[in-house]
Amino acid sequence: PGTLLPRLPSEPGMTLLTINIEKIGLKDAGQCIDPYITVSVKDLNGIDLTPVQDTPVALRKEDTYVHFNVDIEIQKHIERLTKGAAIFFEFKHYKPKKRFTSTKCFAFMEMDEIKPGAIVIELYKKPTDFKRKKLQLLTKKPLYLHLHQILHKE
């Protein structure tokens, strides 16, 4: 059912971020088995700044989209995230022939992209590069991860 965590208690002057993962665009979306997304917040060295969370398996697959419509509560106040931190989204799915769950692609959002409202972010080829040094776009087609951000400030 995923490993989503509840929202942290609010603190005066501090901002919390909820990210709604709407959908991800993939050319073979319909073939993905039990797809889910692992969300992590990492510093520039790839070290976790918050607990890693998994979404529940996607709600539905339609054309070139896998729909999630799930809220992730980032487990740290925005003001407490280190400079250069990024929020990573790893798209994972089950491979029956190999009998394991594989990462298909990943996306990330940097601190300057945190603002209320909708955002679409590009997808990159695996393996996930938490240090963001050798990024390769997944495809030439415009396929993205669609998110909606909600900021909570006391």
N, C-alpha and C. Protein backbone atom coordinates (compact mmCIF):
# COMPACT_ATOMS: atom_id res chain seq x y z
N PRO A 1 0.82 -1.22 0.00
CA PRO A 1 0.00 0.00 0.00
C PRO A 1 0.84 1.26 0.00
N GLY A 2 2.16 1.15 -0.15
CA GLY A 2 3.01 2.34 -0.10
C GLY A 2 3.49 2.59 1.31
N THR A 3 4.36 3.56 1.46
CA THR A 3 4.92 3.89 2.77
C THR A 3 4.83 5.39 3.00
N LEU A 4 3.66 5.95 2.70
CA LEU A 4 3.50 7.40 2.83
C LEU A 4 3.42 7.80 4.30
N LEU A 5 4.02 8.94 4.60
CA LEU A 5 4.05 9.44 5.97
C LEU A 5 3.13 10.65 6.10
N PRO A 6 2.61 10.88 7.32
CA PRO A 6 1.69 12.02 7.51
C PRO A 6 2.45 13.35 7.50
N ARG A 7 1.72 14.44 7.37
CA ARG A 7 2.32 15.76 7.38
C ARG A 7 2.91 16.05 8.75
N LEU A 8 4.04 16.72 8.77
CA LEU A 8 4.68 17.11 10.03
C LEU A 8 3.84 18.19 10.72
N PRO A 9 4.01 18.34 12.05
CA PRO A 9 3.31 19.44 12.72
C PRO A 9 3.85 20.78 12.19
N SER A 10 2.98 21.77 12.09
CA SER A 10 3.43 23.05 11.56
C SER A 10 4.18 23.81 12.65
N GLU A 11 5.06 24.70 12.20
CA GLU A 11 5.83 25.55 13.12
C GLU A 11 5.73 26.97 12.59
N PRO A 12 5.66 27.95 13.50
CA PRO A 12 5.54 29.35 13.06
C PRO A 12 6.70 29.74 12.13
N GLY A 13 6.33 30.39 11.03
CA GLY A 13 7.34 30.89 10.10
C GLY A 13 7.97 29.82 9.22
N MET A 14 7.55 28.56 9.38
CA MET A 14 8.14 27.48 8.61
C MET A 14 7.14 26.99 7.55
N THR A 15 7.67 26.48 6.45
CA THR A 15 6.84 26.05 5.32
C THR A 15 6.96 24.54 5.13
N LEU A 16 5.81 23.90 4.99
CA LEU A 16 5.78 22.48 4.65
C LEU A 16 5.30 22.33 3.22
N LEU A 17 5.75 21.26 2.56
CA LEU A 17 5.41 21.04 1.16
C LEU A 17 4.67 19.73 1.00
N THR A 18 3.51 19.80 0.35
CA THR A 18 2.79 18.60 -0.09
C THR A 18 2.92 18.56 -1.60
N ILE A 19 3.32 17.41 -2.13
CA ILE A 19 3.40 17.26 -3.59
C ILE A 19 2.37 16.22 -4.00
N ASN A 20 1.46 16.64 -4.89
CA ASN A 20 0.52 15.68 -5.45
C ASN A 20 1.14 15.16 -6.75
N ILE A 21 1.39 13.84 -6.77
CA ILE A 21 1.91 13.23 -7.99
C ILE A 21 0.69 12.88 -8.84
N GLU A 22 0.47 13.65 -9.90
CA GLU A 22 -0.71 13.45 -10.73
C GLU A 22 -0.52 12.26 -11.67
N LYS A 23 0.50 12.35 -12.56
CA LYS A 23 0.69 11.30 -13.55
C LYS A 23 2.08 11.40 -14.14
N ILE A 24 2.48 10.32 -14.79
CA ILE A 24 3.76 10.30 -15.48
C ILE A 24 3.50 9.84 -16.92
N GLY A 25 4.15 10.49 -17.85
CA GLY A 25 3.98 10.14 -19.26
C GLY A 25 5.09 9.20 -19.71
N LEU A 26 4.70 8.03 -20.24
CA LEU A 26 5.68 7.06 -20.74
C LEU A 26 5.13 6.43 -22.01
N LYS A 27 6.01 6.17 -22.98
CA LYS A 27 5.49 5.62 -24.23
C LYS A 27 4.91 4.22 -24.06
N ASP A 28 5.42 3.45 -23.06
CA ASP A 28 4.90 2.10 -22.83
C ASP A 28 4.17 2.01 -21.49
N ALA A 29 3.46 3.07 -21.14
CA ALA A 29 2.78 3.15 -19.84
C ALA A 29 1.89 1.93 -19.56
N GLY A 30 1.17 1.47 -20.60
CA GLY A 30 0.23 0.38 -20.41
C GLY A 30 0.87 -0.96 -20.06
N GLN A 31 2.15 -1.10 -20.33
CA GLN A 31 2.82 -2.37 -20.08
C GLN A 31 3.46 -2.46 -18.70
N CYS A 32 3.45 -1.37 -17.97
CA CYS A 32 4.09 -1.37 -16.65
C CYS A 32 3.24 -2.13 -15.64
N ILE A 33 3.85 -3.06 -14.92
CA ILE A 33 3.14 -3.87 -13.92
C ILE A 33 3.39 -3.29 -12.53
N ASP A 34 2.30 -3.09 -11.80
CA ASP A 34 2.36 -2.55 -10.42
C ASP A 34 3.30 -1.34 -10.29
N PRO A 35 3.11 -0.32 -11.13
CA PRO A 35 4.02 0.82 -11.06
C PRO A 35 3.80 1.67 -9.81
N TYR A 36 4.90 2.17 -9.25
CA TYR A 36 4.82 3.10 -8.12
C TYR A 36 6.03 4.03 -8.19
N ILE A 37 6.03 5.04 -7.35
CA ILE A 37 7.11 6.02 -7.35
C ILE A 37 7.72 6.10 -5.96
N THR A 38 9.05 6.05 -5.91
CA THR A 38 9.78 6.24 -4.67
C THR A 38 10.22 7.70 -4.62
N VAL A 39 9.89 8.37 -3.51
CA VAL A 39 10.21 9.79 -3.36
C VAL A 39 11.26 9.93 -2.27
N SER A 40 12.34 10.65 -2.59
CA SER A 40 13.37 10.88 -1.58
C SER A 40 13.89 12.31 -1.71
N VAL A 41 14.40 12.84 -0.61
CA VAL A 41 15.00 14.16 -0.60
C VAL A 41 16.48 13.95 -0.28
N LYS A 42 17.34 14.39 -1.19
CA LYS A 42 18.78 14.14 -1.05
C LYS A 42 19.58 15.43 -1.13
N ASP A 43 20.74 15.42 -0.48
CA ASP A 43 21.64 16.56 -0.62
C ASP A 43 22.53 16.34 -1.86
N LEU A 44 23.47 17.25 -2.07
CA LEU A 44 24.31 17.17 -3.27
C LEU A 44 25.17 15.91 -3.32
N ASN A 45 25.41 15.29 -2.16
CA ASN A 45 26.20 14.06 -2.12
C ASN A 45 25.34 12.82 -2.21
N GLY A 46 24.03 13.00 -2.41
CA GLY A 46 23.14 11.85 -2.54
C GLY A 46 22.74 11.26 -1.20
N ILE A 47 22.91 12.02 -0.12
CA ILE A 47 22.56 11.52 1.21
C ILE A 47 21.12 11.92 1.54
N ASP A 48 20.35 10.94 2.07
CA ASP A 48 18.94 11.20 2.42
C ASP A 48 18.82 12.26 3.51
N LEU A 49 17.94 13.23 3.26
CA LEU A 49 17.66 14.27 4.26
C LEU A 49 16.33 13.99 4.97
N THR A 50 15.53 13.11 4.40
CA THR A 50 14.23 12.76 4.98
C THR A 50 14.02 11.26 4.76
N PRO A 51 13.06 10.65 5.47
CA PRO A 51 12.77 9.24 5.19
C PRO A 51 12.27 9.07 3.75
N VAL A 52 12.65 7.95 3.13
CA VAL A 52 12.22 7.65 1.77
C VAL A 52 10.79 7.13 1.82
N GLN A 53 9.95 7.56 0.87
CA GLN A 53 8.55 7.15 0.84
C GLN A 53 8.21 6.53 -0.52
N ASP A 54 7.35 5.52 -0.49
CA ASP A 54 6.84 4.90 -1.73
C ASP A 54 5.36 5.21 -1.85
N THR A 55 4.94 5.54 -3.07
CA THR A 55 3.50 5.73 -3.30
C THR A 55 2.84 4.36 -3.36
N PRO A 56 1.53 4.30 -3.15
CA PRO A 56 0.82 3.05 -3.48
C PRO A 56 0.93 2.82 -4.99
N VAL A 57 0.61 1.61 -5.42
CA VAL A 57 0.61 1.29 -6.85
C VAL A 57 -0.36 2.24 -7.56
N ALA A 58 -0.01 2.61 -8.80
CA ALA A 58 -0.80 3.57 -9.57
C ALA A 58 -2.28 3.19 -9.67
N LEU A 59 -3.12 4.22 -9.74
CA LEU A 59 -4.57 4.04 -9.84
C LEU A 59 -4.97 3.40 -11.16
N ARG A 60 -4.42 3.95 -12.26
CA ARG A 60 -4.83 3.44 -13.57
C ARG A 60 -3.78 3.82 -14.60
N LYS A 61 -3.85 3.11 -15.73
CA LYS A 61 -2.96 3.40 -16.85
C LYS A 61 -3.85 3.74 -18.03
N GLU A 62 -3.49 4.79 -18.74
CA GLU A 62 -4.34 5.25 -19.83
C GLU A 62 -3.45 5.84 -20.91
N ASP A 63 -3.52 5.29 -22.10
CA ASP A 63 -2.69 5.77 -23.21
C ASP A 63 -1.23 5.79 -22.80
N THR A 64 -0.65 6.98 -22.83
CA THR A 64 0.77 7.08 -22.47
C THR A 64 0.96 7.61 -21.05
N TYR A 65 -0.06 7.48 -20.22
CA TYR A 65 0.07 7.98 -18.84
C TYR A 65 -0.20 6.91 -17.81
N VAL A 66 0.56 6.98 -16.72
CA VAL A 66 0.27 6.20 -15.52
C VAL A 66 -0.21 7.23 -14.51
N HIS A 67 -1.44 7.05 -14.02
CA HIS A 67 -2.05 8.03 -13.11
C HIS A 67 -1.89 7.60 -11.66
N PHE A 68 -1.44 8.53 -10.82
CA PHE A 68 -1.26 8.25 -9.39
C PHE A 68 -2.24 9.05 -8.53
N ASN A 69 -2.26 10.36 -8.75
CA ASN A 69 -3.07 11.27 -7.94
C ASN A 69 -2.92 10.99 -6.44
N VAL A 70 -1.67 11.06 -5.97
CA VAL A 70 -1.38 10.75 -4.58
C VAL A 70 -0.55 11.90 -3.98
N ASP A 71 -0.84 12.22 -2.71
CA ASP A 71 -0.12 13.29 -2.03
C ASP A 71 1.07 12.74 -1.24
N ILE A 72 2.21 13.39 -1.41
CA ILE A 72 3.41 13.06 -0.64
C ILE A 72 3.68 14.25 0.29
N GLU A 73 3.86 13.98 1.57
CA GLU A 73 4.21 15.04 2.52
C GLU A 73 5.72 15.01 2.72
N ILE A 74 6.40 16.08 2.29
CA ILE A 74 7.85 16.14 2.46
C ILE A 74 8.15 16.28 3.95
N GLN A 75 9.03 15.41 4.46
CA GLN A 75 9.21 15.26 5.90
C GLN A 75 10.25 16.21 6.50
N LYS A 76 10.27 17.43 5.99
CA LYS A 76 11.16 18.44 6.55
C LYS A 76 10.64 19.80 6.12
N HIS A 77 10.78 20.79 6.99
CA HIS A 77 10.37 22.14 6.61
C HIS A 77 11.32 22.63 5.51
N ILE A 78 10.76 23.30 4.51
CA ILE A 78 11.53 23.76 3.36
C ILE A 78 12.75 24.56 3.81
N GLU A 79 12.56 25.40 4.83
CA GLU A 79 13.64 26.25 5.32
C GLU A 79 14.79 25.45 5.92
N ARG A 80 14.53 24.20 6.28
CA ARG A 80 15.57 23.38 6.92
C ARG A 80 16.31 22.47 5.93
N LEU A 81 15.91 22.52 4.66
CA LEU A 81 16.60 21.69 3.65
C LEU A 81 17.90 22.38 3.27
N THR A 82 18.96 21.60 3.12
CA THR A 82 20.25 22.19 2.82
C THR A 82 20.28 22.75 1.40
N LYS A 83 21.18 23.71 1.20
CA LYS A 83 21.34 24.31 -0.11
C LYS A 83 21.76 23.21 -1.09
N GLY A 84 21.17 23.20 -2.26
CA GLY A 84 21.53 22.18 -3.24
C GLY A 84 20.75 20.89 -3.10
N ALA A 85 19.84 20.82 -2.12
CA ALA A 85 19.02 19.62 -1.96
C ALA A 85 18.06 19.50 -3.14
N ALA A 86 17.59 18.26 -3.40
CA ALA A 86 16.62 18.04 -4.47
C ALA A 86 15.67 16.93 -4.04
N ILE A 87 14.46 16.99 -4.59
CA ILE A 87 13.46 15.95 -4.33
C ILE A 87 13.47 15.03 -5.54
N PHE A 88 13.69 13.74 -5.30
CA PHE A 88 13.78 12.76 -6.38
C PHE A 88 12.52 11.92 -6.45
N PHE A 89 12.15 11.57 -7.67
CA PHE A 89 11.00 10.71 -7.95
C PHE A 89 11.50 9.58 -8.84
N GLU A 90 11.52 8.35 -8.30
CA GLU A 90 11.98 7.21 -9.10
C GLU A 90 10.77 6.37 -9.48
N PHE A 91 10.55 6.21 -10.79
CA PHE A 91 9.42 5.42 -11.28
C PHE A 91 9.85 3.96 -11.34
N LYS A 92 9.15 3.10 -10.60
CA LYS A 92 9.52 1.68 -10.52
C LYS A 92 8.36 0.80 -10.97
N HIS A 93 8.70 -0.37 -11.50
CA HIS A 93 7.66 -1.31 -11.93
C HIS A 93 8.22 -2.72 -11.82
N TYR A 94 7.30 -3.68 -11.76
CA TYR A 94 7.68 -5.08 -11.57
C TYR A 94 7.97 -5.75 -12.90
N LYS A 95 9.06 -6.52 -12.95
CA LYS A 95 9.41 -7.27 -14.16
C LYS A 95 9.26 -8.76 -13.85
N PRO A 96 8.16 -9.36 -14.35
CA PRO A 96 7.89 -10.76 -14.01
C PRO A 96 8.97 -11.74 -14.49
N LYS A 97 9.53 -11.48 -15.66
CA LYS A 97 10.55 -12.41 -16.17
C LYS A 97 11.77 -12.44 -15.25
N LYS A 98 12.12 -11.29 -14.74
CA LYS A 98 13.30 -11.21 -13.87
C LYS A 98 12.93 -11.33 -12.40
N ARG A 99 11.62 -11.31 -12.12
CA ARG A 99 11.10 -11.43 -10.75
C ARG A 99 11.65 -10.39 -9.79
N PHE A 100 11.77 -9.17 -10.28
CA PHE A 100 12.14 -8.10 -9.36
C PHE A 100 11.57 -6.76 -9.84
N THR A 101 11.62 -5.79 -8.94
CA THR A 101 11.13 -4.45 -9.25
C THR A 101 12.30 -3.62 -9.76
N SER A 102 12.09 -2.99 -10.89
CA SER A 102 13.14 -2.25 -11.57
C SER A 102 12.79 -0.76 -11.62
N THR A 103 13.80 0.08 -11.57
CA THR A 103 13.60 1.51 -11.78
C THR A 103 13.62 1.77 -13.27
N LYS A 104 12.56 2.39 -13.78
CA LYS A 104 12.50 2.67 -15.22
C LYS A 104 13.15 4.01 -15.55
N CYS A 105 12.86 5.02 -14.72
CA CYS A 105 13.40 6.35 -14.96
C CYS A 105 13.26 7.15 -13.67
N PHE A 106 13.80 8.36 -13.70
CA PHE A 106 13.66 9.20 -12.52
C PHE A 106 13.52 10.66 -12.94
N ALA A 107 13.07 11.46 -12.00
CA ALA A 107 12.94 12.89 -12.20
C ALA A 107 13.32 13.54 -10.89
N PHE A 108 13.66 14.82 -10.94
CA PHE A 108 13.94 15.50 -9.68
C PHE A 108 13.55 16.96 -9.78
N MET A 109 13.39 17.54 -8.63
CA MET A 109 12.96 18.93 -8.51
C MET A 109 13.92 19.61 -7.56
N GLU A 110 14.50 20.72 -7.98
CA GLU A 110 15.44 21.43 -7.13
C GLU A 110 14.70 22.48 -6.30
N MET A 111 15.40 23.00 -5.30
CA MET A 111 14.76 23.91 -4.35
C MET A 111 14.15 25.14 -5.00
N ASP A 112 14.77 25.64 -6.08
CA ASP A 112 14.22 26.85 -6.72
C ASP A 112 12.95 26.56 -7.52
N GLU A 113 12.60 25.27 -7.63
CA GLU A 113 11.37 24.91 -8.35
C GLU A 113 10.19 24.73 -7.39
N ILE A 114 10.45 24.93 -6.10
CA ILE A 114 9.36 24.78 -5.12
C ILE A 114 8.54 26.06 -5.11
N LYS A 115 7.34 25.96 -5.66
CA LYS A 115 6.39 27.08 -5.61
C LYS A 115 5.00 26.49 -5.82
N PRO A 116 3.99 27.15 -5.27
CA PRO A 116 2.65 26.56 -5.34
C PRO A 116 2.16 26.40 -6.77
N GLY A 117 1.42 25.32 -7.01
CA GLY A 117 0.81 25.12 -8.31
C GLY A 117 1.40 23.95 -9.07
N ALA A 118 1.02 23.86 -10.34
CA ALA A 118 1.40 22.73 -11.19
C ALA A 118 2.82 22.90 -11.70
N ILE A 119 3.50 21.78 -11.88
CA ILE A 119 4.85 21.79 -12.46
C ILE A 119 5.00 20.48 -13.24
N VAL A 120 5.71 20.55 -14.36
CA VAL A 120 6.04 19.31 -15.08
C VAL A 120 7.56 19.23 -15.12
N ILE A 121 8.09 18.05 -14.79
CA ILE A 121 9.54 17.90 -14.77
C ILE A 121 9.96 16.76 -15.69
N GLU A 122 11.15 16.90 -16.26
CA GLU A 122 11.64 15.96 -17.26
C GLU A 122 12.06 14.64 -16.63
N LEU A 123 12.00 13.59 -17.46
CA LEU A 123 12.37 12.25 -17.02
C LEU A 123 13.78 11.92 -17.52
N TYR A 124 14.55 11.28 -16.65
CA TYR A 124 15.92 10.91 -16.98
C TYR A 124 16.10 9.41 -16.97
N LYS A 125 17.10 8.95 -17.73
CA LYS A 125 17.42 7.53 -17.80
C LYS A 125 17.99 7.05 -16.49
N LYS A 126 17.71 5.76 -16.16
CA LYS A 126 18.36 5.16 -15.01
C LYS A 126 19.83 4.90 -15.36
N PRO A 127 20.71 4.61 -14.43
CA PRO A 127 20.45 4.57 -12.98
C PRO A 127 20.24 5.98 -12.41
N THR A 128 19.52 6.04 -11.30
CA THR A 128 19.25 7.32 -10.67
C THR A 128 20.55 7.97 -10.24
N ASP A 129 20.75 9.20 -10.67
CA ASP A 129 21.97 9.93 -10.37
C ASP A 129 21.67 10.97 -9.30
N PHE A 130 21.79 10.55 -8.04
CA PHE A 130 21.43 11.45 -6.94
C PHE A 130 22.37 12.66 -6.83
N LYS A 131 23.56 12.54 -7.40
CA LYS A 131 24.49 13.67 -7.35
C LYS A 131 24.28 14.62 -8.53
N ARG A 132 23.41 14.20 -9.48
CA ARG A 132 23.04 15.03 -10.63
C ARG A 132 24.24 15.45 -11.47
N LYS A 133 25.13 14.50 -11.74
CA LYS A 133 26.35 14.79 -12.50
C LYS A 133 26.22 14.38 -13.97
N LYS A 134 25.68 13.18 -14.23
CA LYS A 134 25.60 12.67 -15.61
C LYS A 134 24.15 12.39 -15.95
N LEU A 135 23.43 13.43 -16.28
CA LEU A 135 22.00 13.27 -16.56
C LEU A 135 21.77 13.03 -18.04
N GLN A 136 20.96 12.03 -18.33
CA GLN A 136 20.57 11.78 -19.72
C GLN A 136 19.05 11.72 -19.77
N LEU A 137 18.46 12.51 -20.64
CA LEU A 137 17.01 12.47 -20.78
C LEU A 137 16.58 11.09 -21.23
N LEU A 138 15.42 10.64 -20.73
CA LEU A 138 14.92 9.31 -21.04
C LEU A 138 14.63 9.17 -22.53
N THR A 139 14.09 10.22 -23.14
CA THR A 139 13.62 10.11 -24.51
C THR A 139 13.61 11.50 -25.15
N LYS A 140 13.57 11.50 -26.46
CA LYS A 140 13.46 12.79 -27.16
C LYS A 140 12.01 13.28 -27.15
N LYS A 141 11.09 12.35 -26.91
CA LYS A 141 9.68 12.75 -26.86
C LYS A 141 9.43 13.58 -25.60
N PRO A 142 8.46 14.48 -25.68
CA PRO A 142 8.17 15.27 -24.48
C PRO A 142 7.36 14.46 -23.45
N LEU A 143 8.03 13.68 -22.64
CA LEU A 143 7.37 12.90 -21.59
C LEU A 143 7.79 13.46 -20.24
N TYR A 144 6.80 13.65 -19.38
CA TYR A 144 7.11 14.33 -18.12
C TYR A 144 6.39 13.70 -16.94
N LEU A 145 6.87 14.10 -15.77
CA LEU A 145 6.18 13.79 -14.52
C LEU A 145 5.37 15.03 -14.17
N HIS A 146 4.07 14.85 -13.98
CA HIS A 146 3.16 15.97 -13.68
C HIS A 146 2.88 16.01 -12.19
N LEU A 147 3.24 17.16 -11.58
CA LEU A 147 3.09 17.32 -10.13
C LEU A 147 2.28 18.57 -9.83
N HIS A 148 1.76 18.61 -8.62
CA HIS A 148 1.08 19.83 -8.15
C HIS A 148 1.58 20.08 -6.74
N GLN A 149 2.10 21.28 -6.50
CA GLN A 149 2.67 21.58 -5.20
C GLN A 149 1.74 22.43 -4.35
N ILE A 150 1.69 22.09 -3.07
CA ILE A 150 0.91 22.89 -2.11
C ILE A 150 1.84 23.24 -0.97
N LEU A 151 1.98 24.56 -0.72
CA LEU A 151 2.83 25.01 0.38
C LEU A 151 1.95 25.35 1.57
N HIS A 152 2.38 24.88 2.75
CA HIS A 152 1.64 25.16 3.98
C HIS A 152 2.53 26.01 4.87
N LYS A 153 2.11 27.26 5.15
CA LYS A 153 2.93 28.13 5.99
C LYS A 153 2.12 28.59 7.18
N GLU A 154 2.75 28.54 8.34
CA GLU A 154 2.07 29.00 9.57
C GLU A 154 2.18 30.51 9.70
